[in-house]
Amino acid sequence: MFKRVLVILASRWLSGSAFSQAFVMKSSVLKNNGTIAEAQVFNSFGCTGANISPDLEWSGAPKGTKAFALTMFDPDAPTGSGWWHWVVFNIPAGTTKLAAGAGSTNSAALPAGSIQGRTDFGKPGYGGPCPPPGKPHRYIFKLYALKDMLQIEEGASAAMVSFSLNHNKLAETVLTAKYGRK
């Protein structure tokens, strides 16, 4: 048994995978399990935020990554199926960050070739948190490293994009933040 473990570790070391960097995502304004700031909160439905998508930065994408995709999902929304707040796919493989405000409906704010899917607000683009008063909701930002560009048209539903992501991902990284109203 010990000899077998040594052989596995040696083969990983020789291939370089033992020292490969983890696929991680961070933000200057979002902290994992932290509270989302008013700048990122929706500006409607009783909320008065600035509705600016957060800056996001990542590293450690696996070898063979051809594109990235990003989703923002609220599993706590009182809909029975959650709420999609942001969907971006076909972000070019060389990209390592999205600037604050990249989720605006102005496609020039995203890296060339990136496509925004339709959220549960009924249109593409970032839609910040605005849960009903009560317990804070979780907002899951998930970044996917993809083995190929997705063959989906602009404005595709978040469900369609999510289906394609799960069949095309090499790796994923998650950042979860919370927001609630009293």
Protein backbone atom coordinates (compact mmCIF):
# COMPACT_ATOMS: atom_id res chain seq x y z
CA MET A 1 0.00 0.00 0.00
CA PHE A 2 2.75 2.46 1.00
CA LYS A 3 4.67 1.67 -2.18
CA ARG A 4 1.56 2.31 -4.28
CA VAL A 5 1.00 5.72 -2.66
CA LEU A 6 4.64 6.64 -3.35
CA VAL A 7 4.26 5.67 -7.02
CA ILE A 8 1.11 7.83 -7.35
CA LEU A 9 2.77 10.81 -5.66
CA ALA A 10 5.91 10.44 -7.78
CA SER A 11 3.91 10.31 -11.00
CA ARG A 12 2.01 13.47 -10.03
CA TRP A 13 5.23 15.22 -9.10
CA LEU A 14 6.83 14.30 -12.41
CA SER A 15 3.77 15.48 -14.35
CA GLY A 16 3.66 18.75 -12.38
CA SER A 17 0.10 18.23 -11.14
CA ALA A 18 1.21 17.95 -7.53
CA PHE A 19 2.21 21.62 -7.70
CA SER A 20 -0.62 22.94 -9.85
CA GLN A 21 -2.27 26.09 -8.57
CA ALA A 22 -5.84 25.90 -7.26
CA PHE A 23 -8.56 27.55 -9.35
CA VAL A 24 -9.69 30.48 -7.18
CA MET A 25 -11.76 33.66 -7.51
CA LYS A 26 -11.73 36.80 -5.37
CA SER A 27 -13.12 40.33 -5.31
CA SER A 28 -12.09 43.55 -3.65
CA VAL A 29 -15.72 44.23 -2.63
CA LEU A 30 -17.03 40.72 -1.91
CA LYS A 31 -15.69 38.51 0.84
CA ASN A 32 -16.66 34.85 1.02
CA ASN A 33 -19.67 34.63 3.37
CA GLY A 34 -19.54 38.42 3.79
CA THR A 35 -22.29 40.97 3.20
CA ILE A 36 -22.87 42.48 -0.24
CA ALA A 37 -22.45 46.28 -0.28
CA GLU A 38 -25.19 48.70 -1.36
CA ALA A 39 -23.20 49.47 -4.53
CA GLN A 40 -23.97 45.93 -5.78
CA VAL A 41 -27.64 45.89 -4.65
CA PHE A 42 -30.49 46.20 -7.18
CA ASN A 43 -32.21 49.57 -7.61
CA SER A 44 -35.91 48.62 -7.75
CA PHE A 45 -38.49 46.45 -5.95
CA GLY A 46 -37.94 48.55 -2.80
CA CYS A 47 -34.13 48.40 -2.92
CA THR A 48 -32.02 51.49 -3.54
CA GLY A 49 -28.59 50.16 -4.46
CA ALA A 50 -26.38 51.24 -7.36
CA ASN A 51 -26.71 47.84 -9.15
CA ILE A 52 -23.02 47.72 -10.10
CA SER A 53 -21.61 44.25 -10.72
CA PRO A 54 -18.62 43.53 -8.47
CA ASP A 55 -15.06 43.27 -9.67
CA LEU A 56 -13.91 39.65 -9.87
CA GLU A 57 -10.43 38.24 -10.39
CA TRP A 58 -9.29 34.64 -10.79
CA SER A 59 -6.22 32.48 -11.20
CA GLY A 60 -5.22 28.83 -11.46
CA ALA A 61 -7.42 27.84 -14.40
CA PRO A 62 -6.70 24.28 -15.48
CA LYS A 63 -4.65 23.51 -18.56
CA GLY A 64 -6.86 23.25 -21.63
CA THR A 65 -9.26 26.03 -20.58
CA LYS A 66 -10.76 27.53 -23.76
CA ALA A 67 -13.22 29.96 -22.12
CA PHE A 68 -14.83 30.99 -18.84
CA ALA A 69 -18.41 31.50 -17.73
CA LEU A 70 -19.78 33.24 -14.67
CA THR A 71 -23.13 32.87 -12.95
CA MET A 72 -24.69 34.58 -9.95
CA PHE A 73 -27.55 32.64 -8.37
CA ASP A 74 -29.78 33.10 -5.31
CA PRO A 75 -30.91 29.63 -4.13
CA ASP A 76 -32.97 31.22 -1.33
CA ALA A 77 -35.35 33.22 -3.55
CA PRO A 78 -39.00 32.39 -2.78
CA THR A 79 -39.66 31.06 -6.28
CA GLY A 80 -39.27 27.33 -5.79
CA SER A 81 -36.35 27.35 -8.23
CA GLY A 82 -34.07 30.17 -7.05
CA TRP A 83 -33.21 33.34 -8.99
CA TRP A 84 -30.55 33.93 -11.66
CA HIS A 85 -28.98 37.39 -11.21
CA TRP A 86 -26.17 37.28 -13.77
CA VAL A 87 -25.00 34.95 -16.53
CA VAL A 88 -21.93 35.58 -18.69
CA PHE A 89 -20.33 33.00 -20.97
CA ASN A 90 -17.63 32.68 -23.63
CA ILE A 91 -15.31 34.93 -21.66
CA PRO A 92 -11.98 34.49 -23.52
CA ALA A 93 -9.49 32.06 -21.97
CA GLY A 94 -6.80 34.73 -21.46
CA THR A 95 -9.10 36.77 -19.23
CA THR A 96 -8.29 36.83 -15.51
CA LYS A 97 -10.67 39.51 -14.25
CA LEU A 98 -13.87 41.43 -14.78
CA ALA A 99 -13.93 45.07 -13.73
CA ALA A 100 -16.64 46.50 -11.51
CA GLY A 101 -19.59 47.39 -13.73
CA ALA A 102 -18.74 44.79 -16.40
CA GLY A 103 -22.26 43.39 -16.02
CA SER A 104 -23.90 46.50 -17.41
CA THR A 105 -26.04 45.99 -20.48
CA ASN A 106 -23.30 47.76 -22.45
CA SER A 107 -21.45 44.83 -24.03
CA ALA A 108 -18.28 46.96 -24.34
CA ALA A 109 -17.85 46.60 -20.57
CA LEU A 110 -17.07 42.88 -20.96
CA PRO A 111 -14.06 41.29 -22.71
CA ALA A 112 -14.61 40.98 -26.48
CA GLY A 113 -16.54 37.83 -27.36
CA SER A 114 -18.24 37.50 -23.97
CA ILE A 115 -22.00 36.95 -24.07
CA GLN A 116 -24.54 37.72 -21.35
CA GLY A 117 -27.45 35.33 -20.93
CA ARG A 118 -30.96 36.31 -19.89
CA THR A 119 -31.44 36.50 -16.14
CA ASP A 120 -34.65 36.07 -14.17
CA PHE A 121 -35.11 39.83 -14.48
CA GLY A 122 -36.02 39.00 -18.12
CA LYS A 123 -32.97 40.50 -19.78
CA PRO A 124 -29.18 40.11 -20.01
CA GLY A 125 -26.92 41.97 -17.60
CA TYR A 126 -26.23 42.10 -13.91
CA GLY A 127 -29.17 42.42 -11.54
CA GLY A 128 -28.10 42.85 -7.93
CA PRO A 129 -29.66 41.38 -4.81
CA CYS A 130 -33.04 42.58 -3.56
CA PRO A 131 -34.59 39.82 -1.47
CA PRO A 132 -37.87 40.28 0.37
CA PRO A 133 -37.49 41.48 3.97
CA GLY A 134 -36.44 38.75 6.39
CA LYS A 135 -33.59 36.30 6.51
CA PRO A 136 -30.53 37.23 4.36
CA HIS A 137 -30.18 35.33 1.08
CA ARG A 138 -27.04 33.68 -0.30
CA TYR A 139 -25.68 34.88 -3.64
CA ILE A 140 -23.45 32.30 -5.27
CA PHE A 141 -20.93 33.60 -7.80
CA LYS A 142 -19.65 30.58 -9.70
CA LEU A 143 -16.86 30.78 -12.27
CA TYR A 144 -16.44 27.90 -14.68
CA ALA A 145 -13.32 27.00 -16.67
CA LEU A 146 -14.63 25.51 -19.92
CA LYS A 147 -13.15 23.02 -22.36
CA ASP A 148 -14.87 24.78 -25.29
CA MET A 149 -16.78 27.94 -26.12
CA LEU A 150 -20.52 27.48 -25.68
CA GLN A 151 -22.58 27.35 -28.85
CA ILE A 152 -25.46 29.37 -27.41
CA GLU A 153 -26.94 32.62 -28.65
CA GLU A 154 -26.91 35.91 -26.78
CA GLY A 155 -29.91 36.26 -24.51
CA ALA A 156 -30.25 32.51 -23.90
CA SER A 157 -31.97 31.67 -20.63
CA ALA A 158 -29.88 31.06 -17.53
CA ALA A 159 -31.25 27.50 -17.37
CA MET A 160 -30.01 26.76 -20.90
CA VAL A 161 -26.59 28.23 -20.17
CA SER A 162 -26.34 26.33 -16.87
CA PHE A 163 -27.17 23.06 -18.61
CA SER A 164 -24.40 23.67 -21.14
CA LEU A 165 -21.92 24.71 -18.44
CA ASN A 166 -22.35 21.52 -16.49
CA HIS A 167 -21.56 19.47 -19.60
CA ASN A 168 -18.55 21.57 -20.60
CA LYS A 169 -16.72 22.45 -17.38
CA LEU A 170 -13.14 21.56 -16.56
CA ALA A 171 -13.27 23.20 -13.12
CA GLU A 172 -15.28 25.66 -11.07
CA THR A 173 -14.66 28.05 -8.22
CA VAL A 174 -17.24 29.67 -5.97
CA LEU A 175 -17.57 32.86 -3.95
CA THR A 176 -20.71 33.17 -1.82
CA ALA A 177 -21.91 36.44 -0.28
CA LYS A 178 -25.09 37.40 1.60
CA TYR A 179 -27.59 40.21 1.57
CA GLY A 180 -30.80 40.80 3.51
CA ARG A 181 -33.39 43.46 4.24
CA LYS A 182 -35.28 44.07 7.47
